[in-house]
Amino acid sequence: MKKRHAYNPKRRLAPFDDKLRDACRGLAAAVRYGGNPEHKSKPNDFGLTPPTNPRAGKTLCDKIRDFSRIQAEELLRAGLVRGMVSVQARNGWPQNIWAVLDDEPYEAQLENSD
């Protein structure tokens, strides 16, 4: 696996202003959590099919703390309401949403914006 050494300028918080706040509130009402089975220690708990050939080195978002799909969706909403979204966006959705739970940061990446 190749280790990234350079800072990726696309992975930074969007400047928070009234326009972003309003947009994020609207998105928070519509956001849904899909999840990626490669990032779960227990993908079945999220209604996901375990990968047939899991890749070593993938970060497991439920490794530190068990949480449900509902809690994952709540984290997405919390990140949106707080404006913890990336500058980069597709089809009106931020590429990344960040949230913190019990001093642990979590990152969600947009996979499908349809």
PDB file of N, CA and C in Angstrom:
ATOM      1  N   MET A   1       0.846  -1.170   0.000  1.00  0.00           N
ATOM      2  CA  MET A   1       0.000   0.000   0.000  1.00  0.00           C
ATOM      3  C   MET A   1       0.896   1.239   0.000  1.00  0.00           C
ATOM      4  N   LYS A   2       0.575   2.173  -0.842  1.00  0.00           N
ATOM      5  CA  LYS A   2       1.348   3.399  -0.941  1.00  0.00           C
ATOM      6  C   LYS A   2       0.866   4.387   0.115  1.00  0.00           C
ATOM      7  N   LYS A   3       1.773   4.915   0.868  1.00  0.00           N
ATOM      8  CA  LYS A   3       1.435   5.871   1.908  1.00  0.00           C
ATOM      9  C   LYS A   3       1.441   7.276   1.316  1.00  0.00           C
ATOM     10  N   ARG A   4       0.403   8.036   1.617  1.00  0.00           N
ATOM     11  CA  ARG A   4       0.299   9.400   1.116  1.00  0.00           C
ATOM     12  C   ARG A   4       1.155  10.317   1.980  1.00  0.00           C
ATOM     13  N   HIS A   5       1.997  11.112   1.345  1.00  0.00           N
ATOM     14  CA  HIS A   5       2.872  12.015   2.082  1.00  0.00           C
ATOM     15  C   HIS A   5       2.491  13.474   1.904  1.00  0.00           C
ATOM     16  N   ALA A   6       1.687  13.773   0.913  1.00  0.00           N
ATOM     17  CA  ALA A   6       1.333  15.161   0.640  1.00  0.00           C
ATOM     18  C   ALA A   6      -0.046  15.495   1.206  1.00  0.00           C
ATOM     19  N   TYR A   7      -0.212  16.714   1.613  1.00  0.00           N
ATOM     20  CA  TYR A   7      -1.499  17.200   2.092  1.00  0.00           C
ATOM     21  C   TYR A   7      -2.457  17.305   0.908  1.00  0.00           C
ATOM     22  N   ASN A   8      -3.668  16.814   1.069  1.00  0.00           N
ATOM     23  CA  ASN A   8      -4.673  16.888   0.019  1.00  0.00           C
ATOM     24  C   ASN A   8      -5.559  18.101   0.292  1.00  0.00           C
ATOM     25  N   PRO A   9      -5.435  19.165  -0.493  1.00  0.00           N
ATOM     26  CA  PRO A   9      -6.198  20.393  -0.227  1.00  0.00           C
ATOM     27  C   PRO A   9      -7.712  20.219  -0.382  1.00  0.00           C
ATOM     28  N   LYS A  10      -8.153  19.155  -1.029  1.00  0.00           N
ATOM     29  CA  LYS A  10      -9.588  18.916  -1.174  1.00  0.00           C
ATOM     30  C   LYS A  10     -10.206  18.441   0.133  1.00  0.00           C
ATOM     31  N   ARG A  11      -9.390  17.919   1.030  1.00  0.00           N
ATOM     32  CA  ARG A  11      -9.885  17.402   2.304  1.00  0.00           C
ATOM     33  C   ARG A  11      -9.702  18.459   3.379  1.00  0.00           C
ATOM     34  N   ARG A  12     -10.482  19.499   3.272  1.00  0.00           N
ATOM     35  CA  ARG A  12     -10.462  20.554   4.285  1.00  0.00           C
ATOM     36  C   ARG A  12     -11.881  21.044   4.501  1.00  0.00           C
ATOM     37  N   LEU A  13     -12.087  21.595   5.679  1.00  0.00           N
ATOM     38  CA  LEU A  13     -13.416  22.100   6.023  1.00  0.00           C
ATOM     39  C   LEU A  13     -13.819  23.272   5.137  1.00  0.00           C
ATOM     40  N   ALA A  14     -15.065  23.280   4.761  1.00  0.00           N
ATOM     41  CA  ALA A  14     -15.612  24.411   4.017  1.00  0.00           C
ATOM     42  C   ALA A  14     -15.775  25.579   4.980  1.00  0.00           C
ATOM     43  N   PRO A  15     -15.565  26.802   4.514  1.00  0.00           N
ATOM     44  CA  PRO A  15     -15.781  27.966   5.384  1.00  0.00           C
ATOM     45  C   PRO A  15     -17.251  28.036   5.797  1.00  0.00           C
ATOM     46  N   PHE A  16     -17.486  28.160   7.080  1.00  0.00           N
ATOM     47  CA  PHE A  16     -18.855  28.144   7.601  1.00  0.00           C
ATOM     48  C   PHE A  16     -19.439  29.551   7.558  1.00  0.00           C
ATOM     49  N   ASP A  17     -20.560  29.671   6.872  1.00  0.00           N
ATOM     50  CA  ASP A  17     -21.290  30.938   6.810  1.00  0.00           C
ATOM     51  C   ASP A  17     -22.783  30.620   6.777  1.00  0.00           C
ATOM     52  N   ASP A  18     -23.628  31.647   6.679  1.00  0.00           N
ATOM     53  CA  ASP A  18     -25.079  31.438   6.697  1.00  0.00           C
ATOM     54  C   ASP A  18     -25.546  30.552   5.548  1.00  0.00           C
ATOM     55  N   LYS A  19     -24.956  30.729   4.378  1.00  0.00           N
ATOM     56  CA  LYS A  19     -25.353  29.938   3.214  1.00  0.00           C
ATOM     57  C   LYS A  19     -25.043  28.451   3.441  1.00  0.00           C
ATOM     58  N   LEU A  20     -23.844  28.149   3.940  1.00  0.00           N
ATOM     59  CA  LEU A  20     -23.478  26.759   4.205  1.00  0.00           C
ATOM     60  C   LEU A  20     -24.355  26.181   5.317  1.00  0.00           C
ATOM     61  N   ARG A  21     -24.584  26.965   6.369  1.00  0.00           N
ATOM     62  CA  ARG A  21     -25.422  26.493   7.466  1.00  0.00           C
ATOM     63  C   ARG A  21     -26.795  26.089   6.959  1.00  0.00           C
ATOM     64  N   ASP A  22     -27.424  26.937   6.147  1.00  0.00           N
ATOM     65  CA  ASP A  22     -28.752  26.638   5.612  1.00  0.00           C
ATOM     66  C   ASP A  22     -28.730  25.410   4.702  1.00  0.00           C
ATOM     67  N   ALA A  23     -27.717  25.319   3.862  1.00  0.00           N
ATOM     68  CA  ALA A  23     -27.603  24.159   2.959  1.00  0.00           C
ATOM     69  C   ALA A  23     -27.424  22.872   3.761  1.00  0.00           C
ATOM     70  N   CYS A  24     -26.588  22.919   4.774  1.00  0.00           N
ATOM     71  CA  CYS A  24     -26.323  21.724   5.591  1.00  0.00           C
ATOM     72  C   CYS A  24     -27.564  21.295   6.367  1.00  0.00           C
ATOM     73  N   ARG A  25     -28.334  22.238   6.838  1.00  0.00           N
ATOM     74  CA  ARG A  25     -29.575  21.879   7.548  1.00  0.00           C
ATOM     75  C   ARG A  25     -30.528  21.145   6.613  1.00  0.00           C
ATOM     76  N   GLY A  26     -30.619  21.606   5.376  1.00  0.00           N
ATOM     77  CA  GLY A  26     -31.467  20.928   4.399  1.00  0.00           C
ATOM     78  C   GLY A  26     -30.963  19.526   4.090  1.00  0.00           C
ATOM     79  N   LEU A  27     -29.649  19.387   3.956  1.00  0.00           N
ATOM     80  CA  LEU A  27     -29.059  18.074   3.682  1.00  0.00           C
ATOM     81  C   LEU A  27     -29.242  17.133   4.872  1.00  0.00           C
ATOM     82  N   ALA A  28     -29.165  17.669   6.086  1.00  0.00           N
ATOM     83  CA  ALA A  28     -29.308  16.832   7.286  1.00  0.00           C
ATOM     84  C   ALA A  28     -30.665  16.144   7.319  1.00  0.00           C
ATOM     85  N   ALA A  29     -31.686  16.798   6.787  1.00  0.00           N
ATOM     86  CA  ALA A  29     -33.021  16.205   6.762  1.00  0.00           C
ATOM     87  C   ALA A  29     -33.125  15.083   5.727  1.00  0.00           C
ATOM     88  N   ALA A  30     -32.240  15.093   4.727  1.00  0.00           N
ATOM     89  CA  ALA A  30     -32.335  14.130   3.632  1.00  0.00           C
ATOM     90  C   ALA A  30     -31.235  13.064   3.642  1.00  0.00           C
ATOM     91  N   VAL A  31     -30.209  13.237   4.469  1.00  0.00           N
ATOM     92  CA  VAL A  31     -29.050  12.342   4.413  1.00  0.00           C
ATOM     93  C   VAL A  31     -29.418  10.917   4.829  1.00  0.00           C
ATOM     94  N   ARG A  32     -28.786   9.957   4.169  1.00  0.00           N
ATOM     95  CA  ARG A  32     -28.955   8.538   4.481  1.00  0.00           C
ATOM     96  C   ARG A  32     -27.573   7.902   4.538  1.00  0.00           C
ATOM     97  N   TYR A  33     -27.423   6.947   5.425  1.00  0.00           N
ATOM     98  CA  TYR A  33     -26.145   6.263   5.575  1.00  0.00           C
ATOM     99  C   TYR A  33     -26.159   4.975   4.768  1.00  0.00           C
ATOM    100  N   GLY A  34     -25.197   4.838   3.868  1.00  0.00           N
ATOM    101  CA  GLY A  34     -25.090   3.621   3.074  1.00  0.00           C
ATOM    102  C   GLY A  34     -24.057   2.675   3.655  1.00  0.00           C
ATOM    103  N   GLY A  35     -22.885   3.185   3.913  1.00  0.00           N
ATOM    104  CA  GLY A  35     -21.820   2.378   4.492  1.00  0.00           C
ATOM    105  C   GLY A  35     -21.057   1.584   3.457  1.00  0.00           C
ATOM    106  N   ASN A  36     -19.857   1.208   3.828  1.00  0.00           N
ATOM    107  CA  ASN A  36     -18.991   0.409   2.979  1.00  0.00           C
ATOM    108  C   ASN A  36     -18.538  -0.795   3.794  1.00  0.00           C
ATOM    109  N   PRO A  37     -18.857  -2.012   3.356  1.00  0.00           N
ATOM    110  CA  PRO A  37     -18.526  -3.195   4.151  1.00  0.00           C
ATOM    111  C   PRO A  37     -17.028  -3.373   4.399  1.00  0.00           C
ATOM    112  N   GLU A  38     -16.189  -2.782   3.565  1.00  0.00           N
ATOM    113  CA  GLU A  38     -14.743  -2.899   3.771  1.00  0.00           C
ATOM    114  C   GLU A  38     -14.269  -2.096   4.977  1.00  0.00           C
ATOM    115  N   HIS A  39     -15.115  -1.209   5.483  1.00  0.00           N
ATOM    116  CA  HIS A  39     -14.755  -0.372   6.625  1.00  0.00           C
ATOM    117  C   HIS A  39     -15.517  -0.764   7.883  1.00  0.00           C
ATOM    118  N   LYS A  40     -16.024  -1.987   7.915  1.00  0.00           N
ATOM    119  CA  LYS A  40     -16.797  -2.469   9.068  1.00  0.00           C
ATOM    120  C   LYS A  40     -16.210  -3.781   9.569  1.00  0.00           C
ATOM    121  N   SER A  41     -16.096  -3.907  10.892  1.00  0.00           N
ATOM    122  CA  SER A  41     -15.681  -5.193  11.452  1.00  0.00           C
ATOM    123  C   SER A  41     -16.860  -6.161  11.454  1.00  0.00           C
ATOM    124  N   LYS A  42     -18.079  -5.608  11.510  1.00  0.00           N
ATOM    125  CA  LYS A  42     -19.295  -6.422  11.487  1.00  0.00           C
ATOM    126  C   LYS A  42     -20.267  -5.846  10.447  1.00  0.00           C
ATOM    127  N   PRO A  43     -19.982  -6.025   9.164  1.00  0.00           N
ATOM    128  CA  PRO A  43     -20.821  -5.407   8.130  1.00  0.00           C
ATOM    129  C   PRO A  43     -22.283  -5.832   8.190  1.00  0.00           C
ATOM    130  N   ASN A  44     -22.559  -7.057   8.654  1.00  0.00           N
ATOM    131  CA  ASN A  44     -23.956  -7.507   8.736  1.00  0.00           C
ATOM    132  C   ASN A  44     -24.784  -6.635   9.670  1.00  0.00           C
ATOM    133  N   ASP A  45     -24.143  -6.066  10.707  1.00  0.00           N
ATOM    134  CA  ASP A  45     -24.862  -5.193  11.638  1.00  0.00           C
ATOM    135  C   ASP A  45     -25.384  -3.936  10.948  1.00  0.00           C
ATOM    136  N   PHE A  46     -24.816  -3.606   9.801  1.00  0.00           N
ATOM    137  CA  PHE A  46     -25.221  -2.422   9.045  1.00  0.00           C
ATOM    138  C   PHE A  46     -26.066  -2.795   7.826  1.00  0.00           C
ATOM    139  N   GLY A  47     -26.429  -4.077   7.739  1.00  0.00           N
ATOM    140  CA  GLY A  47     -27.199  -4.536   6.594  1.00  0.00           C
ATOM    141  C   GLY A  47     -26.365  -4.648   5.332  1.00  0.00           C
ATOM    142  N   LEU A  48     -25.059  -4.795   5.493  1.00  0.00           N
ATOM    143  CA  LEU A  48     -24.138  -4.860   4.361  1.00  0.00           C
ATOM    144  C   LEU A  48     -23.614  -6.285   4.192  1.00  0.00           C
ATOM    145  N   THR A  49     -23.314  -6.653   2.979  1.00  0.00           N
ATOM    146  CA  THR A  49     -22.739  -7.966   2.689  1.00  0.00           C
ATOM    147  C   THR A  49     -21.238  -7.892   2.909  1.00  0.00           C
ATOM    148  N   PRO A  50     -20.686  -8.804   3.709  1.00  0.00           N
ATOM    149  CA  PRO A  50     -19.235  -8.783   3.929  1.00  0.00           C
ATOM    150  C   PRO A  50     -18.482  -8.914   2.609  1.00  0.00           C
ATOM    151  N   PRO A  51     -17.356  -8.217   2.477  1.00  0.00           N
ATOM    152  CA  PRO A  51     -16.585  -8.322   1.234  1.00  0.00           C
ATOM    153  C   PRO A  51     -16.007  -9.722   1.076  1.00  0.00           C
ATOM    154  N   THR A  52     -15.971 -10.209  -0.157  1.00  0.00           N
ATOM    155  CA  THR A  52     -15.434 -11.553  -0.405  1.00  0.00           C
ATOM    156  C   THR A  52     -13.918 -11.574  -0.306  1.00  0.00           C
ATOM    157  N   ASN A  53     -13.299 -10.448  -0.584  1.00  0.00           N
ATOM    158  CA  ASN A  53     -11.844 -10.362  -0.531  1.00  0.00           C
ATOM    159  C   ASN A  53     -11.461  -9.060   0.176  1.00  0.00           C
ATOM    160  N   PRO A  54     -11.615  -9.002   1.524  1.00  0.00           N
ATOM    161  CA  PRO A  54     -11.333  -7.749   2.224  1.00  0.00           C
ATOM    162  C   PRO A  54      -9.877  -7.327   2.053  1.00  0.00           C
ATOM    163  N   ARG A  55      -9.679  -6.031   1.911  1.00  0.00           N
ATOM    164  CA  ARG A  55      -8.332  -5.494   1.747  1.00  0.00           C
ATOM    165  C   ARG A  55      -7.745  -5.163   3.119  1.00  0.00           C
ATOM    166  N   ALA A  56      -6.570  -5.681   3.371  1.00  0.00           N
ATOM    167  CA  ALA A  56      -5.889  -5.383   4.632  1.00  0.00           C
ATOM    168  C   ALA A  56      -5.561  -3.896   4.689  1.00  0.00           C
ATOM    169  N   GLY A  57      -5.585  -3.357   5.874  1.00  0.00           N
ATOM    170  CA  GLY A  57      -5.213  -1.956   6.031  1.00  0.00           C
ATOM    171  C   GLY A  57      -6.379  -0.988   5.981  1.00  0.00           C
ATOM    172  N   LYS A  58      -7.571  -1.461   5.684  1.00  0.00           N
ATOM    173  CA  LYS A  58      -8.729  -0.573   5.669  1.00  0.00           C
ATOM    174  C   LYS A  58      -9.064  -0.149   7.102  1.00  0.00           C
ATOM    175  N   THR A  59      -9.375   1.102   7.295  1.00  0.00           N
ATOM    176  CA  THR A  59      -9.767   1.598   8.602  1.00  0.00           C
ATOM    177  C   THR A  59     -11.171   1.100   8.913  1.00  0.00           C
ATOM    178  N   LEU A  60     -11.338   0.503  10.084  1.00  0.00           N
ATOM    179  CA  LEU A  60     -12.647  -0.012  10.494  1.00  0.00           C
ATOM    180  C   LEU A  60     -13.301   1.004  11.424  1.00  0.00           C
ATOM    181  N   CYS A  61     -14.388   1.637  10.945  1.00  0.00           N
ATOM    182  CA  CYS A  61     -15.008   2.694  11.726  1.00  0.00           C
ATOM    183  C   CYS A  61     -15.710   2.178  12.975  1.00  0.00           C
ATOM    184  N   ASP A  62     -16.023   0.903  13.030  1.00  0.00           N
ATOM    185  CA  ASP A  62     -16.683   0.359  14.217  1.00  0.00           C
ATOM    186  C   ASP A  62     -15.727  -0.477  15.074  1.00  0.00           C
ATOM    187  N   LYS A  63     -14.434  -0.327  14.848  1.00  0.00           N
ATOM    188  CA  LYS A  63     -13.461  -1.098  15.606  1.00  0.00           C
ATOM    189  C   LYS A  63     -13.314  -0.555  17.034  1.00  0.00           C
ATOM    190  N   ILE A  64     -13.259   0.747  17.177  1.00  0.00           N
ATOM    191  CA  ILE A  64     -13.071   1.366  18.482  1.00  0.00           C
ATOM    192  C   ILE A  64     -14.352   1.300  19.306  1.00  0.00           C
ATOM    193  N   ARG A  65     -15.466   1.476  18.640  1.00  0.00           N
ATOM    194  CA  ARG A  65     -16.751   1.537  19.333  1.00  0.00           C
ATOM    195  C   ARG A  65     -17.822   0.915  18.451  1.00  0.00           C
ATOM    196  N   ASP A  66     -18.603   0.016  19.017  1.00  0.00           N
ATOM    197  CA  ASP A  66     -19.742  -0.536  18.285  1.00  0.00           C
ATOM    198  C   ASP A  66     -20.843   0.505  18.224  1.00  0.00           C
ATOM    199  N   PHE A  67     -21.378   0.710  17.050  1.00  0.00           N
ATOM    200  CA  PHE A  67     -22.552   1.562  16.919  1.00  0.00           C
ATOM    201  C   PHE A  67     -23.390   1.061  15.769  1.00  0.00           C
ATOM    202  N   SER A  68     -24.636   1.451  15.787  1.00  0.00           N
ATOM    203  CA  SER A  68     -25.597   0.949  14.806  1.00  0.00           C
ATOM    204  C   SER A  68     -25.640   1.840  13.574  1.00  0.00           C
ATOM    205  N   ARG A  69     -26.352   1.355  12.586  1.00  0.00           N
ATOM    206  CA  ARG A  69     -26.584   2.147  11.376  1.00  0.00           C
ATOM    207  C   ARG A  69     -27.321   3.438  11.729  1.00  0.00           C
ATOM    208  N   ILE A  70     -28.260   3.353  12.669  1.00  0.00           N
ATOM    209  CA  ILE A  70     -29.011   4.540  13.106  1.00  0.00           C
ATOM    210  C   ILE A  70     -28.060   5.554  13.730  1.00  0.00           C
ATOM    211  N   GLN A  71     -27.150   5.082  14.575  1.00  0.00           N
ATOM    212  CA  GLN A  71     -26.179   5.984  15.182  1.00  0.00           C
ATOM    213  C   GLN A  71     -25.243   6.586  14.131  1.00  0.00           C
ATOM    214  N   ALA A  72     -24.880   5.807  13.118  1.00  0.00           N
ATOM    215  CA  ALA A  72     -24.038   6.328  12.039  1.00  0.00           C
ATOM    216  C   ALA A  72     -24.763   7.455  11.308  1.00  0.00           C
ATOM    217  N   GLU A  73     -26.050   7.275  11.079  1.00  0.00           N
ATOM    218  CA  GLU A  73     -26.841   8.317  10.421  1.00  0.00           C
ATOM    219  C   GLU A  73     -26.951   9.556  11.307  1.00  0.00           C
ATOM    220  N   GLU A  74     -27.067   9.349  12.609  1.00  0.00           N
ATOM    221  CA  GLU A  74     -27.106  10.486  13.550  1.00  0.00           C
ATOM    222  C   GLU A  74     -25.788  11.261  13.513  1.00  0.00           C
ATOM    223  N   LEU A  75     -24.664  10.533  13.389  1.00  0.00           N
ATOM    224  CA  LEU A  75     -23.372  11.202  13.264  1.00  0.00           C
ATOM    225  C   LEU A  75     -23.300  12.033  11.987  1.00  0.00           C
ATOM    226  N   LEU A  76     -23.832  11.496  10.901  1.00  0.00           N
ATOM    227  CA  LEU A  76     -23.866  12.264   9.648  1.00  0.00           C
ATOM    228  C   LEU A  76     -24.646  13.566   9.838  1.00  0.00           C
ATOM    229  N   ARG A  77     -25.815  13.453  10.445  1.00  0.00           N
ATOM    230  CA  ARG A  77     -26.643  14.649  10.679  1.00  0.00           C
ATOM    231  C   ARG A  77     -25.924  15.655  11.576  1.00  0.00           C
ATOM    232  N   ALA A  78     -25.295  15.143  12.634  1.00  0.00           N
ATOM    233  CA  ALA A  78     -24.580  16.030  13.558  1.00  0.00           C
ATOM    234  C   ALA A  78     -23.458  16.772  12.844  1.00  0.00           C
ATOM    235  N   GLY A  79     -22.705  16.056  12.009  1.00  0.00           N
ATOM    236  CA  GLY A  79     -21.640  16.703  11.251  1.00  0.00           C
ATOM    237  C   GLY A  79     -22.177  17.770  10.307  1.00  0.00           C
ATOM    238  N   LEU A  80     -23.298  17.476   9.667  1.00  0.00           N
ATOM    239  CA  LEU A  80     -23.905  18.452   8.761  1.00  0.00           C
ATOM    240  C   LEU A  80     -24.398  19.680   9.525  1.00  0.00           C
ATOM    241  N   VAL A  81     -25.114  19.471  10.597  1.00  0.00           N
ATOM    242  CA  VAL A  81     -25.664  20.594  11.368  1.00  0.00           C
ATOM    243  C   VAL A  81     -24.543  21.494  11.884  1.00  0.00           C
ATOM    244  N   ARG A  82     -23.411  20.909  12.203  1.00  0.00           N
ATOM    245  CA  ARG A  82     -22.277  21.696  12.702  1.00  0.00           C
ATOM    246  C   ARG A  82     -21.421  22.264  11.568  1.00  0.00           C
ATOM    247  N   GLY A  83     -21.773  21.939  10.320  1.00  0.00           N
ATOM    248  CA  GLY A  83     -21.018  22.452   9.178  1.00  0.00           C
ATOM    249  C   GLY A  83     -19.661  21.806   9.013  1.00  0.00           C
ATOM    250  N   MET A  84     -19.505  20.600   9.515  1.00  0.00           N
ATOM    251  CA  MET A  84     -18.224  19.900   9.414  1.00  0.00           C
ATOM    252  C   MET A  84     -18.179  19.122   8.098  1.00  0.00           C
ATOM    253  N   VAL A  85     -18.110  19.873   7.014  1.00  0.00           N
ATOM    254  CA  VAL A  85     -18.156  19.306   5.670  1.00  0.00           C
ATOM    255  C   VAL A  85     -16.970  19.810   4.853  1.00  0.00           C
ATOM    256  N   SER A  86     -16.635  19.044   3.832  1.00  0.00           N
ATOM    257  CA  SER A  86     -15.499  19.396   2.986  1.00  0.00           C
ATOM    258  C   SER A  86     -15.857  20.470   1.979  1.00  0.00           C
ATOM    259  N   VAL A  87     -14.832  21.129   1.516  1.00  0.00           N
ATOM    260  CA  VAL A  87     -14.971  22.098   0.432  1.00  0.00           C
ATOM    261  C   VAL A  87     -15.453  21.390  -0.826  1.00  0.00           C
ATOM    262  N   GLN A  88     -14.878  20.227  -1.087  1.00  0.00           N
ATOM    263  CA  GLN A  88     -15.230  19.469  -2.289  1.00  0.00           C
ATOM    264  C   GLN A  88     -16.646  18.909  -2.159  1.00  0.00           C
ATOM    265  N   ALA A  89     -17.428  19.062  -3.215  1.00  0.00           N
ATOM    266  CA  ALA A  89     -18.814  18.576  -3.216  1.00  0.00           C
ATOM    267  C   ALA A  89     -19.155  18.048  -4.607  1.00  0.00           C
ATOM    268  N   ARG A  90     -20.192  17.184  -4.655  1.00  0.00           N
ATOM    269  CA  ARG A  90     -20.718  16.661  -5.923  1.00  0.00           C
ATOM    270  C   ARG A  90     -22.231  16.679  -5.844  1.00  0.00           C
ATOM    271  N   ASN A  91     -22.844  17.227  -6.843  1.00  0.00           N
ATOM    272  CA  ASN A  91     -24.308  17.276  -6.934  1.00  0.00           C
ATOM    273  C   ASN A  91     -24.950  17.830  -5.666  1.00  0.00           C
ATOM    274  N   GLY A  92     -24.303  18.834  -5.073  1.00  0.00           N
ATOM    275  CA  GLY A  92     -24.856  19.487  -3.895  1.00  0.00           C
ATOM    276  C   GLY A  92     -24.555  18.801  -2.582  1.00  0.00           C
ATOM    277  N   TRP A  93     -23.856  17.675  -2.613  1.00  0.00           N
ATOM    278  CA  TRP A  93     -23.504  16.940  -1.391  1.00  0.00           C
ATOM    279  C   TRP A  93     -22.012  17.080  -1.136  1.00  0.00           C
ATOM    280  N   PRO A  94     -21.600  17.297   0.127  1.00  0.00           N
ATOM    281  CA  PRO A  94     -20.167  17.361   0.416  1.00  0.00           C
ATOM    282  C   PRO A  94     -19.519  16.002   0.201  1.00  0.00           C
ATOM    283  N   GLN A  95     -18.298  16.007  -0.278  1.00  0.00           N
ATOM    284  CA  GLN A  95     -17.549  14.767  -0.476  1.00  0.00           C
ATOM    285  C   GLN A  95     -17.254  14.090   0.861  1.00  0.00           C
ATOM    286  N   ASN A  96     -17.026  14.894   1.898  1.00  0.00           N
ATOM    287  CA  ASN A  96     -16.718  14.362   3.225  1.00  0.00           C
ATOM    288  C   ASN A  96     -17.565  15.066   4.279  1.00  0.00           C
ATOM    289  N   ILE A  97     -17.959  14.307   5.288  1.00  0.00           N
ATOM    290  CA  ILE A  97     -18.617  14.851   6.466  1.00  0.00           C
ATOM    291  C   ILE A  97     -17.867  14.286   7.658  1.00  0.00           C
ATOM    292  N   TRP A  98     -17.532  15.152   8.614  1.00  0.00           N
ATOM    293  CA  TRP A  98     -16.819  14.717   9.801  1.00  0.00           C
ATOM    294  C   TRP A  98     -17.702  14.900  11.025  1.00  0.00           C
ATOM    295  N   ALA A  99     -17.534  14.010  11.988  1.00  0.00           N
ATOM    296  CA  ALA A  99     -18.242  14.101  13.258  1.00  0.00           C
ATOM    297  C   ALA A  99     -17.346  13.529  14.344  1.00  0.00           C
ATOM    298  N   VAL A 100     -17.645  13.887  15.585  1.00  0.00           N
ATOM    299  CA  VAL A 100     -16.873  13.403  16.721  1.00  0.00           C
ATOM    300  C   VAL A 100     -17.826  12.745  17.701  1.00  0.00           C
ATOM    301  N   LEU A 101     -17.448  11.562  18.171  1.00  0.00           N
ATOM    302  CA  LEU A 101     -18.226  10.825  19.157  1.00  0.00           C
ATOM    303  C   LEU A 101     -17.274  10.381  20.257  1.00  0.00           C
ATOM    304  N   ASP A 102     -17.501  10.852  21.475  1.00  0.00           N
ATOM    305  CA  ASP A 102     -16.638  10.496  22.611  1.00  0.00           C
ATOM    306  C   ASP A 102     -15.165  10.723  22.295  1.00  0.00           C
ATOM    307  N   ASP A 103     -14.849  11.897  21.780  1.00  0.00           N
ATOM    308  CA  ASP A 103     -13.480  12.306  21.459  1.00  0.00           C
ATOM    309  C   ASP A 103     -12.828  11.517  20.323  1.00  0.00           C
ATOM    310  N   GLU A 104     -13.619  10.711  19.597  1.00  0.00           N
ATOM    311  CA  GLU A 104     -13.097   9.978  18.447  1.00  0.00           C
ATOM    312  C   GLU A 104     -13.662  10.594  17.164  1.00  0.00           C
ATOM    313  N   PRO A 105     -12.791  11.000  16.228  1.00  0.00           N
ATOM    314  CA  PRO A 105     -13.286  11.570  14.972  1.00  0.00           C
ATOM    315  C   PRO A 105     -13.710  10.471  13.990  1.00  0.00           C
ATOM    316  N   TYR A 106     -14.742  10.756  13.241  1.00  0.00           N
ATOM    317  CA  TYR A 106     -15.228   9.860  12.191  1.00  0.00           C
ATOM    318  C   TYR A 106     -15.377  10.653  10.915  1.00  0.00           C
ATOM    319  N   GLU A 107     -15.114   9.996   9.794  1.00  0.00           N
ATOM    320  CA  GLU A 107     -15.246  10.625   8.493  1.00  0.00           C
ATOM    321  C   GLU A 107     -16.132   9.769   7.611  1.00  0.00           C
ATOM    322  N   ALA A 108     -17.099  10.399   6.984  1.00  0.00           N
ATOM    323  CA  ALA A 108     -17.931   9.732   5.987  1.00  0.00           C
ATOM    324  C   ALA A 108     -17.564  10.312   4.626  1.00  0.00           C
ATOM    325  N   GLN A 109     -17.482   9.440   3.637  1.00  0.00           N
ATOM    326  CA  GLN A 109     -17.194   9.879   2.277  1.00  0.00           C
ATOM    327  C   GLN A 109     -18.380   9.590   1.391  1.00  0.00           C
ATOM    328  N   LEU A 110     -18.700  10.538   0.549  1.00  0.00           N
ATOM    329  CA  LEU A 110     -19.805  10.404  -0.386  1.00  0.00           C
ATOM    330  C   LEU A 110     -19.498   9.288  -1.376  1.00  0.00           C
ATOM    331  N   GLU A 111     -20.440   8.373  -1.502  1.00  0.00           N
ATOM    332  CA  GLU A 111     -20.276   7.305  -2.491  1.00  0.00           C
ATOM    333  C   GLU A 111     -21.300   7.402  -3.592  1.00  0.00           C
ATOM    334  N   ASN A 112     -22.492   7.893  -3.270  1.00  0.00           N
ATOM    335  CA  ASN A 112     -23.564   7.982  -4.270  1.00  0.00           C
ATOM    336  C   ASN A 112     -24.382   9.201  -3.956  1.00  0.00           C
ATOM    337  N   SER A 113     -24.400  10.160  -4.842  1.00  0.00           N
ATOM    338  CA  SER A 113     -25.136  11.392  -4.595  1.00  0.00           C
ATOM    339  C   SER A 113     -26.426  11.474  -5.387  1.00  0.00           C
ATOM    340  N   ASP A 114     -26.908  10.331  -5.885  1.00  0.00           N
ATOM    341  CA  ASP A 114     -28.159  10.315  -6.653  1.00  0.00           C
ATOM    342  C   ASP A 114     -29.360  10.345  -5.747  1.00  0.00           C
TER     343      ASP A 114
END
